[in-house]
Amino acid sequence: MLIATLAFLASTFQPTGDAASAPTAPSDAAPKAAARPEGAPAPGSSIRLVGDPAVKPVVSAEGCQLKEMGMVVEAPLPEGYPAPTPPGMIELKTYPSVRRAEYSASGSTNFGMNVGFWPLFNHIKDRNIAMTSPVEMDYRPEGDRAPLDPMKDTGGSWTMSFLYRSADLGPTGEDGRVKVVDNPELTVIAIGMRGGYGMGSVNAGLEELSKWFAGQSEWEPAGEPRGLNYNGPQVPQRRKWSEVQVPVRRAAKKPDAANAAPAAPVTPAVPTAPAAQSPR
């Protein structure tokens, strides 16, 4: 069991690019949950926005299956988590609060996540906490950008998280470089992805989400992207399952034309006197 878990974690992210800088601890301030947006589903639920609503992953205590697409998640989800979004489909989802072990750093995500792997793995091993799925990645790109803009692997900072299946498995607090926190309830727009993990896949998902946001006016991005990776090394690349997500809020409503403020009255033009006729 230990070897299988180790193999799962070690291969989830492959090192590429430059080495990351020294890890930095996350902020001590506890995150606060925003009010759930109007029209958002209850925690643990989702609303299919794009894709066949009849295609539904089956979640069990062992993991998750999507037989229609040959997709499998081989580790259990945290209690109350919504099912993974099928590849190519888009959903509105609300996640419940979850206790998670976080490791934060800056620099290359593809290389740096290998730096975060060992502290997180040792944390759950020392506490006899079983591995769950997904592994979550929160991205904080550098510079001025919109949440849906493509990201560079080497810029900004990130947080990698292993999730407790339930909050009673251990207390919050610091454990060396790892910080255990309760992540608040979160509403997102998510797209399911198939294939290898990494920044290329995340940017491809953001591109598709950009098209969806441009075609509607009810929701707008409200935070930086997240990546959720569900599978380990025994799953072929073509069947690896992930999600790209963006936190959302209700878009500001534009005034209806019928209810818009009346236009200012037009001042009537003053007729000009006719030109004087010269005497004949």
C-alpha atoms as a PDB file:
ATOM      1  CA  MET A   1       0.000   0.000   0.000  1.00  0.00           C
ATOM      2  CA  LEU A   2       2.810   2.392   0.886  1.00  0.00           C
ATOM      3  CA  ILE A   3       4.643   1.654  -2.381  1.00  0.00           C
ATOM      4  CA  ALA A   4       1.478   2.167  -4.417  1.00  0.00           C
ATOM      5  CA  THR A   5       0.790   5.480  -2.708  1.00  0.00           C
ATOM      6  CA  LEU A   6       4.395   6.580  -3.186  1.00  0.00           C
ATOM      7  CA  ALA A   7       4.281   5.728  -6.875  1.00  0.00           C
ATOM      8  CA  PHE A   8       1.016   7.594  -7.259  1.00  0.00           C
ATOM      9  CA  LEU A   9       2.390  10.757  -5.741  1.00  0.00           C
ATOM     10  CA  ALA A  10       5.818  10.627  -7.336  1.00  0.00           C
ATOM     11  CA  SER A  11       4.464  10.416 -10.881  1.00  0.00           C
ATOM     12  CA  THR A  12       1.577  12.814 -10.632  1.00  0.00           C
ATOM     13  CA  PHE A  13       3.870  15.709 -11.606  1.00  0.00           C
ATOM     14  CA  GLN A  14       6.922  15.479 -13.835  1.00  0.00           C
ATOM     15  CA  PRO A  15       9.850  17.921 -13.338  1.00  0.00           C
ATOM     16  CA  THR A  16      10.540  20.333 -16.179  1.00  0.00           C
ATOM     17  CA  GLY A  17      12.099  23.780 -16.402  1.00  0.00           C
ATOM     18  CA  ASP A  18      14.154  25.628 -13.836  1.00  0.00           C
ATOM     19  CA  ALA A  19      14.332  24.777 -10.168  1.00  0.00           C
ATOM     20  CA  ALA A  20      11.865  26.465  -7.849  1.00  0.00           C
ATOM     21  CA  SER A  21      12.952  28.950  -5.272  1.00  0.00           C
ATOM     22  CA  ALA A  22      12.880  28.110  -1.586  1.00  0.00           C
ATOM     23  CA  PRO A  23       9.358  27.328  -0.321  1.00  0.00           C
ATOM     24  CA  THR A  24       7.466  30.089   1.387  1.00  0.00           C
ATOM     25  CA  ALA A  25       4.906  29.484   4.082  1.00  0.00           C
ATOM     26  CA  PRO A  26       1.320  30.444   3.310  1.00  0.00           C
ATOM     27  CA  SER A  27      -0.278  33.390   5.034  1.00  0.00           C
ATOM     28  CA  ASP A  28      -1.294  32.943   8.672  1.00  0.00           C
ATOM     29  CA  ALA A  29      -4.624  34.622   8.003  1.00  0.00           C
ATOM     30  CA  ALA A  30      -7.418  32.052   7.829  1.00  0.00           C
ATOM     31  CA  PRO A  31      -9.378  32.303   4.562  1.00  0.00           C
ATOM     32  CA  LYS A  32     -12.979  33.412   4.848  1.00  0.00           C
ATOM     33  CA  ALA A  33     -15.751  31.959   2.713  1.00  0.00           C
ATOM     34  CA  ALA A  34     -17.713  34.429   0.617  1.00  0.00           C
ATOM     35  CA  ALA A  35     -21.487  34.176   0.561  1.00  0.00           C
ATOM     36  CA  ARG A  36     -22.644  31.497  -1.851  1.00  0.00           C
ATOM     37  CA  PRO A  37     -23.686  33.178  -5.105  1.00  0.00           C
ATOM     38  CA  GLU A  38     -27.365  33.212  -5.988  1.00  0.00           C
ATOM     39  CA  GLY A  39     -28.159  30.266  -8.240  1.00  0.00           C
ATOM     40  CA  ALA A  40     -25.112  28.237  -7.196  1.00  0.00           C
ATOM     41  CA  PRO A  41     -25.702  24.576  -6.292  1.00  0.00           C
ATOM     42  CA  ALA A  42     -25.497  23.316  -2.720  1.00  0.00           C
ATOM     43  CA  PRO A  43     -22.088  22.117  -1.474  1.00  0.00           C
ATOM     44  CA  GLY A  44     -21.217  18.791  -3.055  1.00  0.00           C
ATOM     45  CA  SER A  45     -23.484  19.389  -6.049  1.00  0.00           C
ATOM     46  CA  SER A  46     -22.980  20.516  -9.632  1.00  0.00           C
ATOM     47  CA  ILE A  47     -25.003  21.847 -12.561  1.00  0.00           C
ATOM     48  CA  ARG A  48     -24.083  20.695 -16.063  1.00  0.00           C
ATOM     49  CA  LEU A  49     -23.646  23.715 -18.340  1.00  0.00           C
ATOM     50  CA  VAL A  50     -22.034  22.083 -21.376  1.00  0.00           C
ATOM     51  CA  GLY A  51     -22.304  18.394 -22.254  1.00  0.00           C
ATOM     52  CA  ASP A  52     -24.754  15.512 -22.033  1.00  0.00           C
ATOM     53  CA  PRO A  53     -26.488  15.630 -18.616  1.00  0.00           C
ATOM     54  CA  ALA A  54     -27.027  11.861 -18.791  1.00  0.00           C
ATOM     55  CA  VAL A  55     -23.264  11.233 -18.506  1.00  0.00           C
ATOM     56  CA  LYS A  56     -22.759  10.955 -14.747  1.00  0.00           C
ATOM     57  CA  PRO A  57     -19.676   9.677 -12.899  1.00  0.00           C
ATOM     58  CA  VAL A  58     -20.444   7.091 -10.218  1.00  0.00           C
ATOM     59  CA  VAL A  59     -18.774   7.902  -6.886  1.00  0.00           C
ATOM     60  CA  SER A  60     -18.083   5.203  -4.302  1.00  0.00           C
ATOM     61  CA  ALA A  61     -16.032   4.793  -1.134  1.00  0.00           C
ATOM     62  CA  GLU A  62     -13.155   3.503  -3.283  1.00  0.00           C
ATOM     63  CA  GLY A  63     -13.110   6.245  -5.915  1.00  0.00           C
ATOM     64  CA  CYS A  64     -15.078   7.119  -9.025  1.00  0.00           C
ATOM     65  CA  GLN A  65     -15.921   5.623 -12.432  1.00  0.00           C
ATOM     66  CA  LEU A  66     -17.143   7.105 -15.700  1.00  0.00           C
ATOM     67  CA  LYS A  67     -17.769   4.025 -17.816  1.00  0.00           C
ATOM     68  CA  GLU A  68     -19.006   5.951 -20.862  1.00  0.00           C
ATOM     69  CA  MET A  69     -15.533   7.436 -21.314  1.00  0.00           C
ATOM     70  CA  GLY A  70     -13.381   4.755 -19.717  1.00  0.00           C
ATOM     71  CA  MET A  71     -12.289   7.056 -16.880  1.00  0.00           C
ATOM     72  CA  VAL A  72     -11.466   5.867 -13.357  1.00  0.00           C
ATOM     73  CA  VAL A  73     -10.398   7.581 -10.125  1.00  0.00           C
ATOM     74  CA  GLU A  74      -8.593   5.025  -7.952  1.00  0.00           C
ATOM     75  CA  ALA A  75      -8.670   6.859  -4.590  1.00  0.00           C
ATOM     76  CA  PRO A  76     -11.656   8.136  -2.588  1.00  0.00           C
ATOM     77  CA  LEU A  77     -12.784  11.750  -2.730  1.00  0.00           C
ATOM     78  CA  PRO A  78     -13.051  13.850   0.444  1.00  0.00           C
ATOM     79  CA  GLU A  79     -16.418  13.574   2.128  1.00  0.00           C
ATOM     80  CA  GLY A  80     -19.004  15.784   0.453  1.00  0.00           C
ATOM     81  CA  TYR A  81     -16.944  16.534  -2.662  1.00  0.00           C
ATOM     82  CA  PRO A  82     -18.818  16.706  -5.975  1.00  0.00           C
ATOM     83  CA  ALA A  83     -18.008  14.123  -8.642  1.00  0.00           C
ATOM     84  CA  PRO A  84     -15.302  14.981 -11.170  1.00  0.00           C
ATOM     85  CA  THR A  85     -16.502  16.848 -14.254  1.00  0.00           C
ATOM     86  CA  PRO A  86     -16.420  14.570 -17.344  1.00  0.00           C
ATOM     87  CA  PRO A  87     -13.755  15.472 -19.929  1.00  0.00           C
ATOM     88  CA  GLY A  88     -14.888  18.132 -22.384  1.00  0.00           C
ATOM     89  CA  MET A  89     -17.877  19.140 -20.258  1.00  0.00           C
ATOM     90  CA  ILE A  90     -18.363  22.283 -18.173  1.00  0.00           C
ATOM     91  CA  GLU A  91     -20.112  22.484 -14.811  1.00  0.00           C
ATOM     92  CA  LEU A  92     -21.023  24.969 -12.110  1.00  0.00           C
ATOM     93  CA  LYS A  93     -19.940  23.356  -8.827  1.00  0.00           C
ATOM     94  CA  THR A  94     -19.875  24.179  -5.128  1.00  0.00           C
ATOM     95  CA  TYR A  95     -17.217  22.569  -2.934  1.00  0.00           C
ATOM     96  CA  PRO A  96     -17.728  22.172   0.808  1.00  0.00           C
ATOM     97  CA  SER A  97     -15.110  23.261   3.293  1.00  0.00           C
ATOM     98  CA  VAL A  98     -12.274  20.739   3.312  1.00  0.00           C
ATOM     99  CA  ARG A  99      -9.298  20.180   5.587  1.00  0.00           C
ATOM    100  CA  ARG A 100      -6.131  19.993   3.559  1.00  0.00           C
ATOM    101  CA  ALA A 101      -2.378  19.826   3.996  1.00  0.00           C
ATOM    102  CA  GLU A 102      -0.769  22.621   1.954  1.00  0.00           C
ATOM    103  CA  TYR A 103       2.717  23.237   0.673  1.00  0.00           C
ATOM    104  CA  SER A 104       3.374  26.645  -0.898  1.00  0.00           C
ATOM    105  CA  ALA A 105       6.324  27.788  -2.995  1.00  0.00           C
ATOM    106  CA  SER A 106       7.264  29.994  -5.944  1.00  0.00           C
ATOM    107  CA  GLY A 107       8.857  29.259  -9.289  1.00  0.00           C
ATOM    108  CA  SER A 108       8.211  26.465 -11.767  1.00  0.00           C
ATOM    109  CA  THR A 109       5.091  24.507 -10.898  1.00  0.00           C
ATOM    110  CA  ASN A 110       6.055  21.432 -12.923  1.00  0.00           C
ATOM    111  CA  PHE A 111       9.415  21.134 -11.154  1.00  0.00           C
ATOM    112  CA  GLY A 112       8.465  22.654  -7.836  1.00  0.00           C
ATOM    113  CA  MET A 113       5.603  20.275  -7.137  1.00  0.00           C
ATOM    114  CA  ASN A 114       8.171  17.528  -6.752  1.00  0.00           C
ATOM    115  CA  VAL A 115       9.690  19.633  -3.978  1.00  0.00           C
ATOM    116  CA  GLY A 116       6.292  19.798  -2.274  1.00  0.00           C
ATOM    117  CA  PHE A 117       5.579  16.095  -2.709  1.00  0.00           C
ATOM    118  CA  TRP A 118       7.886  14.782   0.033  1.00  0.00           C
ATOM    119  CA  PRO A 119       6.764  17.059   2.882  1.00  0.00           C
ATOM    120  CA  LEU A 120       3.119  16.358   2.026  1.00  0.00           C
ATOM    121  CA  PHE A 121       3.677  12.620   1.687  1.00  0.00           C
ATOM    122  CA  ASN A 122       5.584  12.443   4.979  1.00  0.00           C
ATOM    123  CA  HIS A 123       2.838  14.446   6.662  1.00  0.00           C
ATOM    124  CA  ILE A 124       0.055  12.019   5.769  1.00  0.00           C
ATOM    125  CA  LYS A 125       2.306   8.961   6.323  1.00  0.00           C
ATOM    126  CA  ASP A 126       3.331  10.047   9.815  1.00  0.00           C
ATOM    127  CA  ARG A 127      -0.317  10.595  10.733  1.00  0.00           C
ATOM    128  CA  ASN A 128      -1.571   7.397   9.097  1.00  0.00           C
ATOM    129  CA  ILE A 129      -3.876   9.407   6.830  1.00  0.00           C
ATOM    130  CA  ALA A 130      -4.939   7.623   3.654  1.00  0.00           C
ATOM    131  CA  MET A 131      -4.378   9.269   0.288  1.00  0.00           C
ATOM    132  CA  THR A 132      -7.415  10.832  -1.345  1.00  0.00           C
ATOM    133  CA  SER A 133      -8.073  12.265  -4.785  1.00  0.00           C
ATOM    134  CA  PRO A 134      -7.691  14.840  -6.239  1.00  0.00           C
ATOM    135  CA  VAL A 135      -4.387  16.567  -5.612  1.00  0.00           C
ATOM    136  CA  GLU A 136      -5.245  20.260  -5.764  1.00  0.00           C
ATOM    137  CA  MET A 137      -3.103  23.030  -7.216  1.00  0.00           C
ATOM    138  CA  ASP A 138      -3.859  26.711  -6.596  1.00  0.00           C
ATOM    139  CA  TYR A 139      -2.034  29.055  -8.965  1.00  0.00           C
ATOM    140  CA  ARG A 140      -0.999  32.644  -8.225  1.00  0.00           C
ATOM    141  CA  PRO A 141       0.587  33.954 -11.445  1.00  0.00           C
ATOM    142  CA  GLU A 142       2.779  37.034 -11.309  1.00  0.00           C
ATOM    143  CA  GLY A 143       1.979  40.363 -12.936  1.00  0.00           C
ATOM    144  CA  ASP A 144      -1.261  42.014 -13.951  1.00  0.00           C
ATOM    145  CA  ARG A 145      -3.534  39.533 -15.686  1.00  0.00           C
ATOM    146  CA  ALA A 146      -7.124  38.415 -15.946  1.00  0.00           C
ATOM    147  CA  PRO A 147      -7.985  35.075 -14.265  1.00  0.00           C
ATOM    148  CA  LEU A 148      -8.461  33.386 -17.658  1.00  0.00           C
ATOM    149  CA  ASP A 149      -5.221  34.550 -19.274  1.00  0.00           C
ATOM    150  CA  PRO A 150      -2.643  31.847 -20.075  1.00  0.00           C
ATOM    151  CA  MET A 151      -0.079  31.266 -17.329  1.00  0.00           C
ATOM    152  CA  LYS A 152       3.673  30.802 -17.493  1.00  0.00           C
ATOM    153  CA  ASP A 153       5.059  27.818 -15.630  1.00  0.00           C
ATOM    154  CA  THR A 154       8.041  29.722 -14.238  1.00  0.00           C
ATOM    155  CA  GLY A 155       6.224  32.824 -12.958  1.00  0.00           C
ATOM    156  CA  GLY A 156       4.337  33.430  -9.744  1.00  0.00           C
ATOM    157  CA  SER A 157       3.684  31.082  -6.838  1.00  0.00           C
ATOM    158  CA  TRP A 158       1.466  28.112  -6.090  1.00  0.00           C
ATOM    159  CA  THR A 159       0.060  25.861  -3.394  1.00  0.00           C
ATOM    160  CA  MET A 160      -0.107  22.076  -3.667  1.00  0.00           C
ATOM    161  CA  SER A 161      -2.564  20.301  -1.374  1.00  0.00           C
ATOM    162  CA  PHE A 162      -3.334  16.781  -0.191  1.00  0.00           C
ATOM    163  CA  LEU A 163      -6.889  16.532   1.102  1.00  0.00           C
ATOM    164  CA  TYR A 164      -8.082  14.949   4.330  1.00  0.00           C
ATOM    165  CA  ARG A 165     -11.096  12.752   3.688  1.00  0.00           C
ATOM    166  CA  SER A 166     -12.689  14.208   6.824  1.00  0.00           C
ATOM    167  CA  ALA A 167     -11.735  16.943   9.262  1.00  0.00           C
ATOM    168  CA  ASP A 168     -11.586  14.561  12.239  1.00  0.00           C
ATOM    169  CA  LEU A 169      -8.433  12.869  10.891  1.00  0.00           C
ATOM    170  CA  GLY A 170      -6.139  15.492  12.408  1.00  0.00           C
ATOM    171  CA  PRO A 171      -5.954  19.061  13.708  1.00  0.00           C
ATOM    172  CA  THR A 172      -5.099  22.196  11.801  1.00  0.00           C
ATOM    173  CA  GLY A 173      -1.719  23.824  12.354  1.00  0.00           C
ATOM    174  CA  GLU A 174       1.848  23.805  11.068  1.00  0.00           C
ATOM    175  CA  ASP A 175       3.996  20.735  10.485  1.00  0.00           C
ATOM    176  CA  GLY A 176       7.339  22.000   9.256  1.00  0.00           C
ATOM    177  CA  ARG A 177       6.822  23.325   5.737  1.00  0.00           C
ATOM    178  CA  VAL A 178       3.292  21.920   5.654  1.00  0.00           C
ATOM    179  CA  LYS A 179       0.338  23.867   6.923  1.00  0.00           C
ATOM    180  CA  VAL A 180      -3.000  22.165   7.643  1.00  0.00           C
ATOM    181  CA  VAL A 181      -5.958  24.470   7.085  1.00  0.00           C
ATOM    182  CA  ASP A 182      -9.690  24.336   6.513  1.00  0.00           C
ATOM    183  CA  ASN A 183     -10.278  25.616   3.009  1.00  0.00           C
ATOM    184  CA  PRO A 184     -13.626  27.419   2.856  1.00  0.00           C
ATOM    185  CA  GLU A 185     -16.643  26.596   0.711  1.00  0.00           C
ATOM    186  CA  LEU A 186     -16.033  27.546  -2.909  1.00  0.00           C
ATOM    187  CA  THR A 187     -18.150  27.907  -6.063  1.00  0.00           C
ATOM    188  CA  VAL A 188     -16.373  27.373  -9.388  1.00  0.00           C
ATOM    189  CA  ILE A 189     -16.860  26.902 -13.102  1.00  0.00           C
ATOM    190  CA  ALA A 190     -14.984  23.712 -14.035  1.00  0.00           C
ATOM    191  CA  ILE A 191     -14.038  21.965 -17.259  1.00  0.00           C
ATOM    192  CA  GLY A 192     -13.091  18.290 -17.301  1.00  0.00           C
ATOM    193  CA  MET A 193      -9.824  17.390 -19.032  1.00  0.00           C
ATOM    194  CA  ARG A 194      -8.309  14.188 -20.408  1.00  0.00           C
ATOM    195  CA  GLY A 195      -4.556  13.602 -20.865  1.00  0.00           C
ATOM    196  CA  GLY A 196      -1.274  14.386 -19.163  1.00  0.00           C
ATOM    197  CA  TYR A 197      -0.992  16.875 -16.333  1.00  0.00           C
ATOM    198  CA  GLY A 198       0.925  20.149 -16.339  1.00  0.00           C
ATOM    199  CA  MET A 199       0.681  23.808 -17.235  1.00  0.00           C
ATOM    200  CA  GLY A 200      -0.062  23.039 -20.884  1.00  0.00           C
ATOM    201  CA  SER A 201      -3.229  21.192 -19.918  1.00  0.00           C
ATOM    202  CA  VAL A 202      -4.254  23.951 -17.490  1.00  0.00           C
ATOM    203  CA  ASN A 203      -3.857  26.645 -20.153  1.00  0.00           C
ATOM    204  CA  ALA A 204      -5.838  24.558 -22.649  1.00  0.00           C
ATOM    205  CA  GLY A 205      -8.658  24.364 -20.113  1.00  0.00           C
ATOM    206  CA  LEU A 206      -8.520  28.111 -19.474  1.00  0.00           C
ATOM    207  CA  GLU A 207      -8.827  28.742 -23.211  1.00  0.00           C
ATOM    208  CA  GLU A 208     -12.029  26.701 -23.379  1.00  0.00           C
ATOM    209  CA  LEU A 209     -13.418  28.360 -20.259  1.00  0.00           C
ATOM    210  CA  SER A 210     -12.709  31.777 -21.811  1.00  0.00           C
ATOM    211  CA  LYS A 211     -14.948  30.856 -24.746  1.00  0.00           C
ATOM    212  CA  TRP A 212     -17.711  29.784 -22.391  1.00  0.00           C
ATOM    213  CA  PHE A 213     -17.536  32.959 -20.293  1.00  0.00           C
ATOM    214  CA  ALA A 214     -17.619  35.083 -23.468  1.00  0.00           C
ATOM    215  CA  GLY A 215     -20.895  33.442 -24.529  1.00  0.00           C
ATOM    216  CA  GLN A 216     -22.900  34.221 -21.378  1.00  0.00           C
ATOM    217  CA  SER A 217     -23.555  37.105 -18.990  1.00  0.00           C
ATOM    218  CA  GLU A 218     -24.609  35.416 -15.718  1.00  0.00           C
ATOM    219  CA  TRP A 219     -21.209  34.548 -14.209  1.00  0.00           C
ATOM    220  CA  GLU A 220     -17.771  36.128 -14.067  1.00  0.00           C
ATOM    221  CA  PRO A 221     -14.370  34.943 -12.766  1.00  0.00           C
ATOM    222  CA  ALA A 222     -13.687  35.829  -9.145  1.00  0.00           C
ATOM    223  CA  GLY A 223     -10.252  34.365  -8.484  1.00  0.00           C
ATOM    224  CA  GLU A 224      -7.170  32.626  -9.833  1.00  0.00           C
ATOM    225  CA  PRO A 225      -7.253  29.205 -11.543  1.00  0.00           C
ATOM    226  CA  ARG A 226      -7.156  25.835  -9.803  1.00  0.00           C
ATOM    227  CA  GLY A 227      -6.108  22.444 -11.120  1.00  0.00           C
ATOM    228  CA  LEU A 228      -7.442  19.135  -9.780  1.00  0.00           C
ATOM    229  CA  ASN A 229      -5.503  15.984 -10.762  1.00  0.00           C
ATOM    230  CA  TYR A 230      -7.233  12.670 -10.113  1.00  0.00           C
ATOM    231  CA  ASN A 231      -5.010   9.814 -11.337  1.00  0.00           C
ATOM    232  CA  GLY A 232      -1.747   8.018 -10.661  1.00  0.00           C
ATOM    233  CA  PRO A 233       0.900   6.357 -12.848  1.00  0.00           C
ATOM    234  CA  GLN A 234      -0.983   3.142 -13.515  1.00  0.00           C
ATOM    235  CA  VAL A 235      -3.534   5.077 -15.553  1.00  0.00           C
ATOM    236  CA  PRO A 236      -2.510   5.611 -19.217  1.00  0.00           C
ATOM    237  CA  GLN A 237      -1.929   9.202 -20.311  1.00  0.00           C
ATOM    238  CA  ARG A 238      -4.972   9.151 -22.573  1.00  0.00           C
ATOM    239  CA  ARG A 239      -7.177   8.274 -19.580  1.00  0.00           C
ATOM    240  CA  LYS A 240      -5.753  10.630 -16.991  1.00  0.00           C
ATOM    241  CA  TRP A 241      -8.537  12.762 -15.577  1.00  0.00           C
ATOM    242  CA  SER A 242      -8.222  16.335 -14.343  1.00  0.00           C
ATOM    243  CA  GLU A 243     -10.170  19.560 -14.045  1.00  0.00           C
ATOM    244  CA  VAL A 244      -9.362  23.213 -14.594  1.00  0.00           C
ATOM    245  CA  GLN A 245     -11.449  25.523 -12.428  1.00  0.00           C
ATOM    246  CA  VAL A 246     -12.017  29.217 -11.852  1.00  0.00           C
ATOM    247  CA  PRO A 247     -13.856  30.611  -8.785  1.00  0.00           C
ATOM    248  CA  VAL A 248     -16.929  32.598  -9.843  1.00  0.00           C
ATOM    249  CA  ARG A 249     -19.480  35.139  -8.706  1.00  0.00           C
ATOM    250  CA  ARG A 250     -22.635  36.559 -10.222  1.00  0.00           C
ATOM    251  CA  ALA A 251     -21.904  39.078 -12.928  1.00  0.00           C
ATOM    252  CA  ALA A 252     -23.072  42.636 -12.341  1.00  0.00           C
ATOM    253  CA  LYS A 253     -26.433  43.123 -13.986  1.00  0.00           C
ATOM    254  CA  LYS A 254     -26.671  45.609 -16.794  1.00  0.00           C
ATOM    255  CA  PRO A 255     -29.715  47.913 -16.688  1.00  0.00           C
ATOM    256  CA  ASP A 256     -32.531  46.937 -19.038  1.00  0.00           C
ATOM    257  CA  ALA A 257     -33.277  49.402 -21.783  1.00  0.00           C
ATOM    258  CA  ALA A 258     -36.899  49.649 -20.589  1.00  0.00           C
ATOM    259  CA  ASN A 259     -35.803  50.495 -17.038  1.00  0.00           C
ATOM    260  CA  ALA A 260     -32.947  52.772 -17.939  1.00  0.00           C
ATOM    261  CA  ALA A 261     -33.065  56.355 -16.749  1.00  0.00           C
ATOM    262  CA  PRO A 262     -34.912  58.599 -19.247  1.00  0.00           C
ATOM    263  CA  ALA A 263     -32.755  60.639 -21.512  1.00  0.00           C
ATOM    264  CA  ALA A 264     -32.484  64.330 -20.813  1.00  0.00           C
ATOM    265  CA  PRO A 265     -35.079  66.347 -22.759  1.00  0.00           C
ATOM    266  CA  VAL A 266     -33.883  67.881 -25.947  1.00  0.00           C
ATOM    267  CA  THR A 267     -34.014  71.666 -25.961  1.00  0.00           C
ATOM    268  CA  PRO A 268     -36.007  72.742 -29.005  1.00  0.00           C
ATOM    269  CA  ALA A 269     -34.073  74.689 -31.540  1.00  0.00           C
ATOM    270  CA  VAL A 270     -34.785  78.433 -31.650  1.00  0.00           C
ATOM    271  CA  PRO A 271     -35.868  79.402 -35.156  1.00  0.00           C
ATOM    272  CA  THR A 272     -33.673  81.965 -36.743  1.00  0.00           C
ATOM    273  CA  ALA A 273     -35.093  85.098 -38.299  1.00  0.00           C
ATOM    274  CA  PRO A 274     -35.211  85.104 -42.067  1.00  0.00           C
ATOM    275  CA  ALA A 275     -32.506  87.046 -43.746  1.00  0.00           C
ATOM    276  CA  ALA A 276     -33.425  90.647 -44.469  1.00  0.00           C
ATOM    277  CA  GLN A 277     -34.376  91.355 -48.067  1.00  0.00           C
ATOM    278  CA  SER A 278     -32.549  94.197 -49.679  1.00  0.00           C
ATOM    279  CA  PRO A 279     -34.872  96.872 -51.094  1.00  0.00           C
ATOM    280  CA  ARG A 280     -35.285  96.920 -54.846  1.00  0.00           C
END
